[in-house]
Amino acid sequence: MLYLKASQSNTITVTWTERANSATVYRLRLTNLATLEATDIYLNAIDNLSSYESRYDKFAFTLGALEKGQYRYEVTENPTTYTAGDFVQGGLYTFTDSGYAYITAAVDQSTSAQWGCQGTLIAEGLTPEAIGQGIVNTVSIVAGCATAGIAARLANDLVLNNFSDWFLPSLEELGMMWTELASDGLGGFANHIYWSSTQASATQAFTVDMNNGNQGTHSKGNTSNRYTRAMRRFLLPTTNPRVLETGLAFIELGTETYIKQNNTIDYAVYNN
């Protein structure tokens, strides 16, 4: 059931019977059945709009004046509408690549962990610096370097906000943390050097300075102001967004006399 409470200021409260999670972005589409004109409203579950009352989600938003009449409404999930810095599935949405949404942990995992195994060249793929390779690099580092407390192991073993599939980002993935988050003051990064999972040699690994975005290489054994920030990713749906609710709504202005003779009620309720 969709419940709309429309005030004279065109503020509408929407309620439907599914609890949102922190990753949910809803689209409410109202289609006028007479004109077939559609109005879309996007509602982000993390924008402090939802009051999470009982088993319902309630969102308040401002909607421009709609013509009165009969409408078809549809509520769907729209997971591809994230913007950088949105809190999505355990962390901060950073970017999308090849159908995956990349999520940055909202906090550092260490300020002094070494990359590890100084003098050992860890086996890696042909493009260890590329987007999509952080997962592969992390698995290789953990398997090839038994040292406790290294940056890749901290990321690999991390359980944060109920997610356990974190990894140490590749150089390009780490660079995207700077471009999409740190450069805009998002993510709470320190103005220091952060490890990537990409090696430069047996003794050096690539880093990104979150003060200015510069890439560099540093000794794998260095621990002074060497920060670790994990990343995870999830596959975005390739099918149409999941429909949560659909039905009919009759929209009538709150000033119409059919509501009450004294005309003091400035809202209408629409049920399917």
C-alpha atoms as a PDB file:
ATOM      1  CA  MET A   1       0.000   0.000   0.000  1.00  0.00           C
ATOM      2  CA  LEU A   2       1.263   3.459  -0.878  1.00  0.00           C
ATOM      3  CA  TYR A   3       0.278   6.258   1.436  1.00  0.00           C
ATOM      4  CA  LEU A   4       0.626   9.862   0.303  1.00  0.00           C
ATOM      5  CA  LYS A   5       0.006  12.807   2.571  1.00  0.00           C
ATOM      6  CA  ALA A   6       0.086  15.961   0.478  1.00  0.00           C
ATOM      7  CA  SER A   7       0.120  19.333   2.194  1.00  0.00           C
ATOM      8  CA  GLN A   8      -0.638  22.672   0.564  1.00  0.00           C
ATOM      9  CA  SER A   9       3.117  23.292   0.406  1.00  0.00           C
ATOM     10  CA  ASN A  10       3.451  20.317  -1.953  1.00  0.00           C
ATOM     11  CA  THR A  11       5.346  18.256   0.608  1.00  0.00           C
ATOM     12  CA  ILE A  12       4.413  14.590   0.379  1.00  0.00           C
ATOM     13  CA  THR A  13       5.136  11.833   2.861  1.00  0.00           C
ATOM     14  CA  VAL A  14       5.457   8.417   1.251  1.00  0.00           C
ATOM     15  CA  THR A  15       5.149   5.121   3.122  1.00  0.00           C
ATOM     16  CA  TRP A  16       5.481   1.587   1.824  1.00  0.00           C
ATOM     17  CA  THR A  17       5.868  -1.810   3.390  1.00  0.00           C
ATOM     18  CA  GLU A  18       9.524  -2.660   2.916  1.00  0.00           C
ATOM     19  CA  ARG A  19      12.399  -1.781   5.181  1.00  0.00           C
ATOM     20  CA  ALA A  20      15.270  -0.091   3.390  1.00  0.00           C
ATOM     21  CA  ASN A  21      18.888  -0.949   3.943  1.00  0.00           C
ATOM     22  CA  SER A  22      21.721   1.529   3.772  1.00  0.00           C
ATOM     23  CA  ALA A  23      22.260   0.825   0.087  1.00  0.00           C
ATOM     24  CA  THR A  24      18.718   1.374  -1.082  1.00  0.00           C
ATOM     25  CA  VAL A  25      17.831   4.074  -3.559  1.00  0.00           C
ATOM     26  CA  TYR A  26      14.150   4.169  -4.463  1.00  0.00           C
ATOM     27  CA  ARG A  27      12.438   5.603  -7.489  1.00  0.00           C
ATOM     28  CA  LEU A  28       8.809   6.587  -7.125  1.00  0.00           C
ATOM     29  CA  ARG A  29       7.188   7.061 -10.540  1.00  0.00           C
ATOM     30  CA  LEU A  30       3.733   8.635 -10.804  1.00  0.00           C
ATOM     31  CA  THR A  31       2.171   8.291 -14.257  1.00  0.00           C
ATOM     32  CA  ASN A  32      -0.934  10.299 -15.109  1.00  0.00           C
ATOM     33  CA  LEU A  33      -3.277   7.808 -16.777  1.00  0.00           C
ATOM     34  CA  ALA A  34      -4.984  10.522 -18.818  1.00  0.00           C
ATOM     35  CA  THR A  35      -1.887  12.232 -20.228  1.00  0.00           C
ATOM     36  CA  LEU A  36       0.646   9.383 -19.720  1.00  0.00           C
ATOM     37  CA  GLU A  37       3.063  11.948 -18.347  1.00  0.00           C
ATOM     38  CA  ALA A  38       5.394  10.467 -15.735  1.00  0.00           C
ATOM     39  CA  THR A  39       7.001  12.188 -12.751  1.00  0.00           C
ATOM     40  CA  ASP A  40      10.012  10.512 -11.124  1.00  0.00           C
ATOM     41  CA  ILE A  41      11.197  11.124  -7.582  1.00  0.00           C
ATOM     42  CA  TYR A  42      14.401   9.525  -6.293  1.00  0.00           C
ATOM     43  CA  LEU A  43      14.649   8.725  -2.599  1.00  0.00           C
ATOM     44  CA  ASN A  44      17.909   7.691  -0.986  1.00  0.00           C
ATOM     45  CA  ALA A  45      17.592   5.615   2.164  1.00  0.00           C
ATOM     46  CA  ILE A  46      20.753   7.173   3.599  1.00  0.00           C
ATOM     47  CA  ASP A  47      19.749  10.806   3.200  1.00  0.00           C
ATOM     48  CA  ASN A  48      18.105  10.918   6.632  1.00  0.00           C
ATOM     49  CA  LEU A  49      14.725  11.110   4.973  1.00  0.00           C
ATOM     50  CA  SER A  50      13.557   7.749   6.238  1.00  0.00           C
ATOM     51  CA  SER A  51      12.217   7.582   9.755  1.00  0.00           C
ATOM     52  CA  TYR A  52      12.211   3.760   9.821  1.00  0.00           C
ATOM     53  CA  GLU A  53       8.994   3.510  11.805  1.00  0.00           C
ATOM     54  CA  SER A  54       7.932  -0.014  12.682  1.00  0.00           C
ATOM     55  CA  ARG A  55       7.891  -2.112   9.503  1.00  0.00           C
ATOM     56  CA  TYR A  56       7.400   0.853   7.203  1.00  0.00           C
ATOM     57  CA  ASP A  57       9.751   3.280   5.542  1.00  0.00           C
ATOM     58  CA  LYS A  58       8.623   6.888   5.454  1.00  0.00           C
ATOM     59  CA  PHE A  59      10.163   9.524   3.234  1.00  0.00           C
ATOM     60  CA  ALA A  60       9.301  13.218   3.052  1.00  0.00           C
ATOM     61  CA  PHE A  61      10.058  15.131  -0.112  1.00  0.00           C
ATOM     62  CA  THR A  62       8.859  18.178  -1.988  1.00  0.00           C
ATOM     63  CA  LEU A  63       6.935  17.593  -5.182  1.00  0.00           C
ATOM     64  CA  GLY A  64       5.831  20.219  -7.661  1.00  0.00           C
ATOM     65  CA  ALA A  65       2.116  20.600  -8.252  1.00  0.00           C
ATOM     66  CA  LEU A  66       0.547  17.670 -10.078  1.00  0.00           C
ATOM     67  CA  GLU A  67      -2.685  17.722 -11.990  1.00  0.00           C
ATOM     68  CA  LYS A  68      -5.472  16.031 -10.098  1.00  0.00           C
ATOM     69  CA  GLY A  69      -6.592  12.731 -11.511  1.00  0.00           C
ATOM     70  CA  GLN A  70      -5.812   9.049 -11.531  1.00  0.00           C
ATOM     71  CA  TYR A  71      -2.204   7.921 -11.458  1.00  0.00           C
ATOM     72  CA  ARG A  72      -0.336   4.678 -11.623  1.00  0.00           C
ATOM     73  CA  TYR A  73       2.465   4.542  -9.094  1.00  0.00           C
ATOM     74  CA  GLU A  74       5.496   2.283  -9.071  1.00  0.00           C
ATOM     75  CA  VAL A  75       8.239   2.040  -6.466  1.00  0.00           C
ATOM     76  CA  THR A  76      11.481   0.410  -7.629  1.00  0.00           C
ATOM     77  CA  GLU A  77      15.038   0.060  -6.446  1.00  0.00           C
ATOM     78  CA  ASN A  78      17.533   2.072  -8.459  1.00  0.00           C
ATOM     79  CA  PRO A  79      21.021   0.975  -7.371  1.00  0.00           C
ATOM     80  CA  THR A  80      22.834   2.828 -10.159  1.00  0.00           C
ATOM     81  CA  THR A  81      21.944   6.313  -8.945  1.00  0.00           C
ATOM     82  CA  TYR A  82      24.724   6.521  -6.362  1.00  0.00           C
ATOM     83  CA  THR A  83      27.017   9.517  -6.168  1.00  0.00           C
ATOM     84  CA  ALA A  84      30.538   9.652  -4.737  1.00  0.00           C
ATOM     85  CA  GLY A  85      30.453   9.673  -0.959  1.00  0.00           C
ATOM     86  CA  ASP A  86      27.059   7.969  -0.600  1.00  0.00           C
ATOM     87  CA  PHE A  87      27.105   5.342   2.141  1.00  0.00           C
ATOM     88  CA  VAL A  88      26.401   2.144   0.228  1.00  0.00           C
ATOM     89  CA  GLN A  89      26.810  -1.480   1.319  1.00  0.00           C
ATOM     90  CA  GLY A  90      29.248  -0.942   4.122  1.00  0.00           C
ATOM     91  CA  GLY A  91      31.216   2.059   2.905  1.00  0.00           C
ATOM     92  CA  LEU A  92      31.445   5.068   0.632  1.00  0.00           C
ATOM     93  CA  TYR A  93      30.442   4.714  -2.997  1.00  0.00           C
ATOM     94  CA  THR A  94      33.443   5.705  -5.088  1.00  0.00           C
ATOM     95  CA  PHE A  95      32.956   4.750  -8.742  1.00  0.00           C
ATOM     96  CA  THR A  96      31.501   2.182 -11.115  1.00  0.00           C
ATOM     97  CA  ASP A  97      33.555   0.162 -13.595  1.00  0.00           C
ATOM     98  CA  SER A  98      32.643  -2.828 -15.764  1.00  0.00           C
ATOM     99  CA  GLY A  99      29.342  -3.284 -13.962  1.00  0.00           C
ATOM    100  CA  TYR A 100      30.818  -3.183 -10.457  1.00  0.00           C
ATOM    101  CA  ALA A 101      30.243  -0.528  -7.827  1.00  0.00           C
ATOM    102  CA  TYR A 102      33.456   0.159  -5.874  1.00  0.00           C
ATOM    103  CA  ILE A 103      33.051   0.985  -2.194  1.00  0.00           C
ATOM    104  CA  THR A 104      35.698   2.569   0.041  1.00  0.00           C
ATOM    105  CA  ALA A 105      35.815   1.855   3.762  1.00  0.00           C
ATOM    106  CA  ALA A 106      34.816   4.998   5.655  1.00  0.00           C
ATOM    107  CA  VAL A 107      37.756   4.713   8.077  1.00  0.00           C
ATOM    108  CA  ASP A 108      41.443   3.847   7.882  1.00  0.00           C
ATOM    109  CA  GLN A 109      42.476   0.342   8.888  1.00  0.00           C
ATOM    110  CA  SER A 110      45.953   1.405   9.945  1.00  0.00           C
ATOM    111  CA  THR A 111      48.263   4.408  10.095  1.00  0.00           C
ATOM    112  CA  SER A 112      51.510   2.442  10.336  1.00  0.00           C
ATOM    113  CA  ALA A 113      51.192  -0.983   8.678  1.00  0.00           C
ATOM    114  CA  GLN A 114      53.950  -2.009   6.300  1.00  0.00           C
ATOM    115  CA  TRP A 115      53.287  -3.338   2.808  1.00  0.00           C
ATOM    116  CA  GLY A 116      55.298  -6.380   3.815  1.00  0.00           C
ATOM    117  CA  CYS A 117      57.904  -8.906   2.714  1.00  0.00           C
ATOM    118  CA  GLN A 118      60.601  -6.429   1.773  1.00  0.00           C
ATOM    119  CA  GLY A 119      62.849  -8.022  -0.863  1.00  0.00           C
ATOM    120  CA  THR A 120      60.239 -10.519  -2.097  1.00  0.00           C
ATOM    121  CA  LEU A 121      58.523 -10.078  -5.457  1.00  0.00           C
ATOM    122  CA  ILE A 122      54.989 -11.388  -5.028  1.00  0.00           C
ATOM    123  CA  ALA A 123      53.518 -13.207  -8.025  1.00  0.00           C
ATOM    124  CA  GLU A 124      50.975 -11.002  -9.804  1.00  0.00           C
ATOM    125  CA  GLY A 125      49.046 -10.631 -13.036  1.00  0.00           C
ATOM    126  CA  LEU A 126      49.957  -8.708 -16.184  1.00  0.00           C
ATOM    127  CA  THR A 127      48.232  -5.467 -15.127  1.00  0.00           C
ATOM    128  CA  PRO A 128      48.441  -5.310 -11.324  1.00  0.00           C
ATOM    129  CA  GLU A 129      47.907  -1.552 -11.349  1.00  0.00           C
ATOM    130  CA  ALA A 130      44.553  -1.691 -13.160  1.00  0.00           C
ATOM    131  CA  ILE A 131      41.025  -1.238 -11.884  1.00  0.00           C
ATOM    132  CA  GLY A 132      39.649  -4.653 -11.013  1.00  0.00           C
ATOM    133  CA  GLN A 133      43.013  -6.043  -9.909  1.00  0.00           C
ATOM    134  CA  GLY A 134      42.935  -5.060  -6.243  1.00  0.00           C
ATOM    135  CA  ILE A 135      41.114  -8.250  -5.342  1.00  0.00           C
ATOM    136  CA  VAL A 136      43.621 -10.393  -7.258  1.00  0.00           C
ATOM    137  CA  ASN A 137      46.613  -8.533  -5.829  1.00  0.00           C
ATOM    138  CA  THR A 138      45.355  -8.873  -2.269  1.00  0.00           C
ATOM    139  CA  VAL A 139      44.852 -12.626  -2.578  1.00  0.00           C
ATOM    140  CA  SER A 140      48.370 -12.977  -4.019  1.00  0.00           C
ATOM    141  CA  ILE A 141      49.984 -10.867  -1.302  1.00  0.00           C
ATOM    142  CA  VAL A 142      48.257 -12.706   1.540  1.00  0.00           C
ATOM    143  CA  ALA A 143      49.228 -16.050   0.020  1.00  0.00           C
ATOM    144  CA  GLY A 144      52.809 -15.006  -0.700  1.00  0.00           C
ATOM    145  CA  CYS A 145      53.638 -13.028   2.430  1.00  0.00           C
ATOM    146  CA  ALA A 146      53.023 -14.631   5.816  1.00  0.00           C
ATOM    147  CA  THR A 147      53.910 -11.514   7.818  1.00  0.00           C
ATOM    148  CA  ALA A 148      51.172 -10.534  10.263  1.00  0.00           C
ATOM    149  CA  GLY A 149      49.654  -7.060  10.205  1.00  0.00           C
ATOM    150  CA  ILE A 150      50.613  -6.088   6.664  1.00  0.00           C
ATOM    151  CA  ALA A 151      48.313  -3.737   4.767  1.00  0.00           C
ATOM    152  CA  ALA A 152      46.865  -6.371   2.423  1.00  0.00           C
ATOM    153  CA  ARG A 153      46.169  -8.766   5.291  1.00  0.00           C
ATOM    154  CA  LEU A 154      44.411  -6.050   7.298  1.00  0.00           C
ATOM    155  CA  ALA A 155      42.141  -5.387   4.331  1.00  0.00           C
ATOM    156  CA  ASN A 156      41.632  -9.070   3.553  1.00  0.00           C
ATOM    157  CA  ASP A 157      40.685  -9.913   7.162  1.00  0.00           C
ATOM    158  CA  LEU A 158      38.510  -6.857   7.687  1.00  0.00           C
ATOM    159  CA  VAL A 159      34.897  -7.288   8.748  1.00  0.00           C
ATOM    160  CA  LEU A 160      33.206  -3.909   8.595  1.00  0.00           C
ATOM    161  CA  ASN A 161      29.498  -3.101   8.639  1.00  0.00           C
ATOM    162  CA  ASN A 162      28.695  -6.802   8.133  1.00  0.00           C
ATOM    163  CA  PHE A 163      30.852  -7.095   5.001  1.00  0.00           C
ATOM    164  CA  SER A 164      33.969  -9.272   4.866  1.00  0.00           C
ATOM    165  CA  ASP A 165      35.021  -9.085   1.200  1.00  0.00           C
ATOM    166  CA  TRP A 166      37.402  -6.130   1.483  1.00  0.00           C
ATOM    167  CA  PHE A 167      40.710  -5.844  -0.350  1.00  0.00           C
ATOM    168  CA  LEU A 168      43.679  -3.501  -0.661  1.00  0.00           C
ATOM    169  CA  PRO A 169      43.048  -1.356  -3.756  1.00  0.00           C
ATOM    170  CA  SER A 170      45.259  -1.473  -6.807  1.00  0.00           C
ATOM    171  CA  LEU A 171      47.113   1.694  -7.792  1.00  0.00           C
ATOM    172  CA  GLU A 172      44.361   2.876 -10.139  1.00  0.00           C
ATOM    173  CA  GLU A 173      41.636   1.991  -7.646  1.00  0.00           C
ATOM    174  CA  LEU A 174      43.491   3.922  -4.948  1.00  0.00           C
ATOM    175  CA  GLY A 175      43.832   6.804  -7.378  1.00  0.00           C
ATOM    176  CA  MET A 176      40.062   6.821  -7.773  1.00  0.00           C
ATOM    177  CA  MET A 177      39.735   7.176  -3.993  1.00  0.00           C
ATOM    178  CA  TRP A 178      41.652  10.429  -4.355  1.00  0.00           C
ATOM    179  CA  THR A 179      39.812  11.616  -7.453  1.00  0.00           C
ATOM    180  CA  GLU A 180      36.272  10.832  -6.296  1.00  0.00           C
ATOM    181  CA  LEU A 181      36.555  11.237  -2.527  1.00  0.00           C
ATOM    182  CA  ALA A 182      39.663  12.784  -0.976  1.00  0.00           C
ATOM    183  CA  SER A 183      40.023  15.596  -3.520  1.00  0.00           C
ATOM    184  CA  ASP A 184      36.503  16.731  -2.602  1.00  0.00           C
ATOM    185  CA  GLY A 185      37.063  16.439   1.127  1.00  0.00           C
ATOM    186  CA  LEU A 186      35.120  13.160   1.359  1.00  0.00           C
ATOM    187  CA  GLY A 187      36.120  10.003   3.193  1.00  0.00           C
ATOM    188  CA  GLY A 188      38.048  11.420   6.128  1.00  0.00           C
ATOM    189  CA  PHE A 189      41.459  10.703   4.594  1.00  0.00           C
ATOM    190  CA  ALA A 190      44.614  11.872   6.321  1.00  0.00           C
ATOM    191  CA  ASN A 191      47.029  14.075   4.368  1.00  0.00           C
ATOM    192  CA  HIS A 192      49.500  11.205   4.174  1.00  0.00           C
ATOM    193  CA  ILE A 193      50.645   8.302   2.015  1.00  0.00           C
ATOM    194  CA  TYR A 194      48.315   5.338   1.417  1.00  0.00           C
ATOM    195  CA  TRP A 195      49.410   1.903   0.242  1.00  0.00           C
ATOM    196  CA  SER A 196      48.152   0.323  -2.950  1.00  0.00           C
ATOM    197  CA  SER A 197      48.344  -3.422  -3.560  1.00  0.00           C
ATOM    198  CA  THR A 198      50.500  -2.837  -6.645  1.00  0.00           C
ATOM    199  CA  GLN A 199      54.226  -3.589  -6.466  1.00  0.00           C
ATOM    200  CA  ALA A 200      56.878  -1.552  -8.205  1.00  0.00           C
ATOM    201  CA  SER A 201      59.647  -4.082  -7.507  1.00  0.00           C
ATOM    202  CA  ALA A 202      60.724  -6.639  -4.930  1.00  0.00           C
ATOM    203  CA  THR A 203      61.488  -3.796  -2.526  1.00  0.00           C
ATOM    204  CA  GLN A 204      59.035  -1.048  -3.504  1.00  0.00           C
ATOM    205  CA  ALA A 205      55.246  -0.672  -3.724  1.00  0.00           C
ATOM    206  CA  PHE A 206      53.114   2.061  -5.237  1.00  0.00           C
ATOM    207  CA  THR A 207      51.355   4.626  -3.068  1.00  0.00           C
ATOM    208  CA  VAL A 208      49.070   7.644  -3.415  1.00  0.00           C
ATOM    209  CA  ASP A 209      49.450  10.804  -1.370  1.00  0.00           C
ATOM    210  CA  MET A 210      45.953  11.788  -0.261  1.00  0.00           C
ATOM    211  CA  ASN A 211      47.127  15.354   0.287  1.00  0.00           C
ATOM    212  CA  ASN A 212      47.580  15.989  -3.428  1.00  0.00           C
ATOM    213  CA  GLY A 213      46.863  12.785  -5.359  1.00  0.00           C
ATOM    214  CA  ASN A 214      50.494  12.218  -6.341  1.00  0.00           C
ATOM    215  CA  GLN A 215      51.568   8.658  -7.013  1.00  0.00           C
ATOM    216  CA  GLY A 216      54.891   7.370  -5.743  1.00  0.00           C
ATOM    217  CA  THR A 217      56.832   4.315  -4.647  1.00  0.00           C
ATOM    218  CA  HIS A 218      58.048   3.505  -1.163  1.00  0.00           C
ATOM    219  CA  SER A 219      59.938   0.760   0.599  1.00  0.00           C
ATOM    220  CA  LYS A 220      57.666  -2.167   1.420  1.00  0.00           C
ATOM    221  CA  GLY A 221      59.011  -2.177   4.972  1.00  0.00           C
ATOM    222  CA  ASN A 222      58.209   1.471   5.660  1.00  0.00           C
ATOM    223  CA  THR A 223      55.738   2.011   8.521  1.00  0.00           C
ATOM    224  CA  SER A 224      56.005   5.751   9.225  1.00  0.00           C
ATOM    225  CA  ASN A 225      52.749   7.443   8.249  1.00  0.00           C
ATOM    226  CA  ARG A 226      51.890   4.672   5.826  1.00  0.00           C
ATOM    227  CA  TYR A 227      48.115   4.409   5.822  1.00  0.00           C
ATOM    228  CA  THR A 228      45.820   1.553   4.821  1.00  0.00           C
ATOM    229  CA  ARG A 229      42.302   2.003   3.457  1.00  0.00           C
ATOM    230  CA  ALA A 230      40.328  -1.019   2.253  1.00  0.00           C
ATOM    231  CA  MET A 231      37.898  -1.265  -0.624  1.00  0.00           C
ATOM    232  CA  ARG A 232      35.200  -3.698  -1.713  1.00  0.00           C
ATOM    233  CA  ARG A 233      32.975  -3.996  -4.746  1.00  0.00           C
ATOM    234  CA  PHE A 234      29.650  -5.521  -5.722  1.00  0.00           C
ATOM    235  CA  LEU A 235      28.062  -6.367  -9.023  1.00  0.00           C
ATOM    236  CA  LEU A 236      25.274  -4.038 -10.043  1.00  0.00           C
ATOM    237  CA  PRO A 237      22.105  -5.655 -11.394  1.00  0.00           C
ATOM    238  CA  THR A 238      21.930  -5.870 -15.168  1.00  0.00           C
ATOM    239  CA  THR A 239      18.202  -6.468 -15.248  1.00  0.00           C
ATOM    240  CA  ASN A 240      15.450  -3.926 -14.751  1.00  0.00           C
ATOM    241  CA  PRO A 241      15.206  -2.488 -11.222  1.00  0.00           C
ATOM    242  CA  ARG A 242      13.266  -4.629  -8.780  1.00  0.00           C
ATOM    243  CA  VAL A 243       9.671  -3.452  -8.438  1.00  0.00           C
ATOM    244  CA  LEU A 244       8.698  -3.151  -4.787  1.00  0.00           C
ATOM    245  CA  GLU A 245       5.199  -1.798  -5.070  1.00  0.00           C
ATOM    246  CA  THR A 246       2.723  -0.787  -7.747  1.00  0.00           C
ATOM    247  CA  GLY A 247      -0.880   0.322  -7.810  1.00  0.00           C
ATOM    248  CA  LEU A 248      -3.296   3.179  -8.473  1.00  0.00           C
ATOM    249  CA  ALA A 249      -3.517   6.525  -6.711  1.00  0.00           C
ATOM    250  CA  PHE A 250      -6.137   9.245  -7.076  1.00  0.00           C
ATOM    251  CA  ILE A 251      -4.641  12.661  -6.574  1.00  0.00           C
ATOM    252  CA  GLU A 252      -6.950  15.445  -5.451  1.00  0.00           C
ATOM    253  CA  LEU A 253      -5.984  18.855  -4.126  1.00  0.00           C
ATOM    254  CA  GLY A 254      -6.297  19.327  -0.404  1.00  0.00           C
ATOM    255  CA  THR A 255      -8.372  22.442  -0.902  1.00  0.00           C
ATOM    256  CA  GLU A 256     -11.235  20.620  -2.607  1.00  0.00           C
ATOM    257  CA  THR A 257     -14.503  20.660  -0.662  1.00  0.00           C
ATOM    258  CA  TYR A 258     -15.032  16.924  -1.041  1.00  0.00           C
ATOM    259  CA  ILE A 259     -12.630  16.340   1.841  1.00  0.00           C
ATOM    260  CA  LYS A 260     -14.552  18.206   4.503  1.00  0.00           C
ATOM    261  CA  GLN A 261     -17.090  20.957   4.498  1.00  0.00           C
ATOM    262  CA  ASN A 262     -14.979  23.138   6.754  1.00  0.00           C
ATOM    263  CA  ASN A 263     -12.069  22.600   4.399  1.00  0.00           C
ATOM    264  CA  THR A 264      -9.536  22.354   7.231  1.00  0.00           C
ATOM    265  CA  ILE A 265      -7.856  19.132   6.110  1.00  0.00           C
ATOM    266  CA  ASP A 266      -5.023  19.884   3.715  1.00  0.00           C
ATOM    267  CA  TYR A 267      -4.063  16.354   2.794  1.00  0.00           C
ATOM    268  CA  ALA A 268      -5.343  13.373   0.898  1.00  0.00           C
ATOM    269  CA  VAL A 269      -4.705   9.635   1.321  1.00  0.00           C
ATOM    270  CA  TYR A 270      -4.234   7.445  -1.749  1.00  0.00           C
ATOM    271  CA  ASN A 271      -4.449   3.669  -1.507  1.00  0.00           C
ATOM    272  CA  ASN A 272      -4.139   1.010  -4.142  1.00  0.00           C
END
